[in-house]
Amino acid sequence: MKKFAVILAGNGVYDGAEIHEATLTLYAIQKNGAVYEIFAPDIPQHHVVNHITGKEMNETRNVLVEAARIARGNIKPLINFNARDFDALIFPGGFGVAKNLCSFAFDGADCYVEETTAKAIKDMASLKKPIGALCISPALITRILGNVEVTIGNDAATAAGITQMGGTHISAGHGEVVRDSHRPVFTTPCYMLDATIVQIADGADNIVKAILQELG
């Protein structure tokens, strides 16, 4: 069976991993006959957000510890990731991608990328193994790979940031998957569009299927 590494950015759409996208990605991987391991960087979250009020809370949390809630404890620090052990890498979305895994939410095209996250992407790309990215995660991929074709749906401001980082943005709708012309990078919009959970499930399923088809 093909093996995916799934990287999470915490737990919760506003400050971590988007839980619907994360869970439905895991479901899609197993439903389509593959297996997965879950990773997250062992770092502090940028901040903690009250998901009812949207306001920042006066507390600190750890990205790995929070992501472990989604993984039911079965998770590893991203520093332990070895690209040679996996067939594909995939990133669910959520603001944590743009706040914890990189600083795109604050710095746009000038963002930095967290060290172990950057290494995971670079290692998979050097081995020419598929990389998948949902929602805002394509911005992270673009910051590392530069000249790559991706989609975040149709948001003009985010698309402009991708262009500034050297990428090419391709508009896409619900469930659509964009594959880069030159390397196996797959992206789909998910909650970058006004989506239902069924549409998120379709996007996760379609990107996993596209990656598995690439792997043969």
Protein backbone atom coordinates (compact mmCIF):
# COMPACT_ATOMS: atom_id res chain seq x y z
CA MET A 1 0.00 0.00 0.00
CA LYS A 2 1.13 3.54 -0.74
CA LYS A 3 2.09 5.55 2.32
CA PHE A 4 1.27 9.22 2.92
CA ALA A 5 2.84 11.57 5.42
CA VAL A 6 0.23 14.05 6.64
CA ILE A 7 1.53 17.25 8.22
CA LEU A 8 -0.78 19.13 10.59
CA ALA A 9 -0.42 22.72 11.81
CA GLY A 10 -2.19 22.34 15.15
CA ASN A 11 -5.89 21.92 15.91
CA GLY A 12 -8.57 24.38 14.82
CA VAL A 13 -9.14 26.52 11.74
CA TYR A 14 -8.15 29.91 13.17
CA ASP A 15 -4.85 28.96 14.78
CA GLY A 16 -4.07 25.39 13.66
CA ALA A 17 -5.11 22.71 11.20
CA GLU A 18 -8.60 22.88 9.69
CA ILE A 19 -10.23 19.87 11.35
CA HIS A 20 -12.65 18.96 8.54
CA GLU A 21 -9.87 19.07 5.96
CA ALA A 22 -7.50 17.11 8.19
CA THR A 23 -10.00 14.41 9.09
CA LEU A 24 -11.38 14.03 5.59
CA THR A 25 -7.87 13.81 4.15
CA LEU A 26 -7.09 10.94 6.52
CA TYR A 27 -10.38 9.30 5.57
CA ALA A 28 -9.72 9.72 1.84
CA ILE A 29 -6.25 8.18 2.14
CA GLN A 30 -7.50 5.06 3.85
CA LYS A 31 -10.70 4.84 1.81
CA ASN A 32 -8.63 4.78 -1.38
CA GLY A 33 -6.45 1.91 -0.19
CA ALA A 34 -3.42 3.75 1.17
CA VAL A 35 -2.06 4.31 4.67
CA TYR A 36 -0.76 7.37 6.52
CA GLU A 37 1.40 8.63 9.34
CA ILE A 38 0.79 12.02 10.93
CA PHE A 39 3.44 14.61 11.79
CA ALA A 40 3.58 18.11 13.20
CA PRO A 41 6.42 20.43 14.18
CA ASP A 42 7.21 20.50 17.90
CA ILE A 43 6.98 24.29 18.23
CA PRO A 44 4.83 26.88 20.01
CA GLN A 45 1.73 28.09 18.20
CA HIS A 46 1.91 31.67 16.99
CA HIS A 47 -1.13 32.42 19.17
CA VAL A 48 -4.33 30.82 20.48
CA VAL A 49 -7.72 31.94 19.18
CA ASN A 50 -11.12 31.51 20.82
CA HIS A 51 -13.05 29.78 18.06
CA ILE A 52 -16.37 31.19 19.31
CA THR A 53 -15.43 34.86 19.52
CA GLY A 54 -12.48 34.92 17.10
CA LYS A 55 -10.43 36.79 19.70
CA GLU A 56 -6.90 35.97 20.77
CA MET A 57 -6.55 34.24 24.14
CA ASN A 58 -3.89 34.87 26.76
CA GLU A 59 -2.35 31.40 26.72
CA THR A 60 0.24 29.35 24.88
CA ARG A 61 -0.06 25.98 23.15
CA ASN A 62 2.23 23.62 21.25
CA VAL A 63 1.56 22.71 17.59
CA LEU A 64 2.49 19.03 18.04
CA VAL A 65 0.46 18.62 21.23
CA GLU A 66 -2.58 20.27 19.67
CA ALA A 67 -2.31 18.28 16.43
CA ALA A 68 -2.20 15.12 18.54
CA ARG A 69 -5.88 15.75 19.35
CA ILE A 70 -6.78 15.13 15.70
CA ALA A 71 -4.34 12.23 15.44
CA ARG A 72 -5.74 10.61 18.61
CA GLY A 73 -2.20 10.68 19.97
CA ASN A 74 -0.71 8.71 17.08
CA ILE A 75 1.64 11.43 15.82
CA LYS A 76 5.35 12.09 15.48
CA PRO A 77 7.47 15.24 15.67
CA LEU A 78 8.15 16.49 12.16
CA ILE A 79 11.89 16.47 12.82
CA ASN A 80 11.63 12.64 12.65
CA PHE A 81 10.20 12.68 9.11
CA ASN A 82 12.24 10.79 6.51
CA ALA A 83 11.12 11.38 2.92
CA ARG A 84 12.48 8.00 1.81
CA ASP A 85 9.92 6.24 4.01
CA PHE A 86 6.90 7.74 2.23
CA ASP A 87 5.35 7.78 -1.23
CA ALA A 88 3.60 11.14 -0.84
CA LEU A 89 3.31 14.18 1.43
CA ILE A 90 0.10 16.11 2.02
CA PHE A 91 -0.86 19.27 3.90
CA PRO A 92 -4.44 19.96 5.03
CA GLY A 93 -5.17 23.68 5.41
CA GLY A 94 -6.20 25.98 8.23
CA PHE A 95 -4.75 29.30 9.37
CA GLY A 96 -2.11 27.38 11.33
CA VAL A 97 -0.40 26.61 8.02
CA ALA A 98 0.02 30.35 7.44
CA LYS A 99 0.79 31.17 11.09
CA ASN A 100 2.71 28.17 12.48
CA LEU A 101 4.22 26.34 9.50
CA CYS A 102 5.06 29.64 7.84
CA SER A 103 4.33 33.34 8.35
CA PHE A 104 2.31 33.96 5.17
CA ALA A 105 -0.64 35.30 7.20
CA PHE A 106 1.55 38.14 8.46
CA ASP A 107 4.37 38.58 5.95
CA GLY A 108 2.77 37.53 2.66
CA ALA A 109 5.29 36.80 -0.08
CA ASP A 110 8.17 37.63 2.29
CA CYS A 111 7.19 34.89 4.73
CA TYR A 112 9.59 32.51 6.41
CA VAL A 113 8.93 28.76 6.59
CA GLU A 114 9.40 26.71 9.75
CA GLU A 115 12.63 24.70 9.45
CA THR A 116 11.34 21.10 9.65
CA THR A 117 8.41 21.93 7.36
CA ALA A 118 10.74 23.41 4.75
CA LYS A 119 13.02 20.38 4.93
CA ALA A 120 10.13 17.94 4.46
CA ILE A 121 8.97 19.74 1.32
CA LYS A 122 12.47 20.07 -0.12
CA ASP A 123 13.29 16.42 0.58
CA MET A 124 10.14 15.15 -1.13
CA ALA A 125 10.66 17.47 -4.10
CA SER A 126 14.28 16.34 -4.50
CA LEU A 127 13.05 12.73 -4.66
CA LYS A 128 10.34 13.77 -7.16
CA LYS A 129 7.64 12.37 -4.89
CA PRO A 130 4.09 13.80 -4.93
CA ILE A 131 3.17 16.69 -2.65
CA GLY A 132 -0.45 17.62 -1.99
CA ALA A 133 -1.77 20.84 -0.48
CA LEU A 134 -5.30 21.84 0.48
CA CYS A 135 -6.80 25.28 1.14
CA ILE A 136 -4.08 27.85 2.05
CA SER A 137 -1.28 25.25 2.06
CA PRO A 138 -0.35 25.88 -1.60
CA ALA A 139 1.09 29.23 -0.47
CA LEU A 140 3.48 27.34 1.78
CA ILE A 141 4.50 25.03 -1.06
CA THR A 142 5.07 27.98 -3.38
CA ARG A 143 7.31 29.74 -0.86
CA ILE A 144 9.63 26.70 -0.90
CA LEU A 145 9.42 25.58 -4.54
CA GLY A 146 8.96 28.95 -6.25
CA ASN A 147 8.01 28.34 -9.87
CA VAL A 148 5.05 26.03 -9.36
CA GLU A 149 1.43 25.99 -10.58
CA VAL A 150 -1.08 25.90 -7.73
CA THR A 151 -4.62 26.89 -6.79
CA ILE A 152 -6.14 28.45 -3.70
CA GLY A 153 -9.51 28.82 -5.48
CA ASN A 154 -10.05 32.38 -6.68
CA ASP A 155 -9.04 34.74 -3.86
CA ALA A 156 -7.27 37.63 -5.61
CA ALA A 157 -5.10 38.77 -2.70
CA THR A 158 -3.75 35.30 -1.93
CA ALA A 159 -3.25 34.59 -5.62
CA ALA A 160 -1.22 37.81 -5.87
CA GLY A 161 1.00 36.61 -3.03
CA ILE A 162 1.60 33.33 -4.85
CA THR A 163 2.59 35.26 -7.98
CA GLN A 164 5.00 37.41 -5.97
CA MET A 165 6.67 34.23 -4.68
CA GLY A 166 7.29 33.07 -8.25
CA GLY A 167 4.32 30.74 -8.57
CA THR A 168 1.50 30.62 -11.10
CA HIS A 169 -2.02 30.69 -9.71
CA ILE A 170 -4.75 28.77 -11.53
CA SER A 171 -8.34 29.47 -10.52
CA ALA A 172 -10.29 26.36 -9.51
CA GLY A 173 -13.67 25.45 -8.11
CA HIS A 174 -15.00 23.02 -5.55
CA GLY A 175 -13.34 19.62 -5.74
CA GLU A 176 -11.02 20.58 -8.59
CA VAL A 177 -7.37 19.55 -8.43
CA VAL A 178 -4.51 21.40 -10.13
CA ARG A 179 -1.33 19.50 -10.97
CA ASP A 180 1.82 21.42 -11.76
CA SER A 181 2.98 20.92 -15.34
CA HIS A 182 6.52 19.91 -14.47
CA ARG A 183 6.43 18.10 -11.13
CA PRO A 184 3.95 16.13 -9.03
CA VAL A 185 2.51 18.95 -6.94
CA PHE A 186 -1.25 18.76 -6.43
CA THR A 187 -3.50 21.47 -4.95
CA THR A 188 -7.21 21.96 -4.28
CA PRO A 189 -9.10 24.96 -2.79
CA CYS A 190 -11.33 23.43 -0.06
CA TYR A 191 -12.24 26.15 2.49
CA MET A 192 -10.52 28.91 0.51
CA LEU A 193 -13.92 28.82 -1.18
CA ASP A 194 -17.27 29.10 0.60
CA ALA A 195 -17.68 25.34 0.95
CA THR A 196 -19.85 22.73 2.61
CA ILE A 197 -18.34 19.77 4.40
CA VAL A 198 -19.47 17.57 1.49
CA GLN A 199 -17.46 19.74 -0.90
CA ILE A 200 -14.45 19.47 1.43
CA ALA A 201 -14.81 15.68 1.35
CA ASP A 202 -14.89 15.79 -2.45
CA GLY A 203 -11.76 17.93 -2.59
CA ALA A 204 -9.85 15.68 -0.19
CA ASP A 205 -10.95 12.56 -2.04
CA ASN A 206 -10.06 13.99 -5.45
CA ILE A 207 -6.57 15.15 -4.47
CA VAL A 208 -5.76 11.82 -2.83
CA LYS A 209 -7.01 9.96 -5.91
CA ALA A 210 -4.94 12.19 -8.19
CA ILE A 211 -1.81 11.52 -6.15
CA LEU A 212 -2.44 7.76 -6.12
CA GLN A 213 -2.99 7.79 -9.87
CA GLU A 214 0.36 9.55 -10.24
CA LEU A 215 2.02 6.88 -8.11
CA GLY A 216 0.46 4.13 -10.23
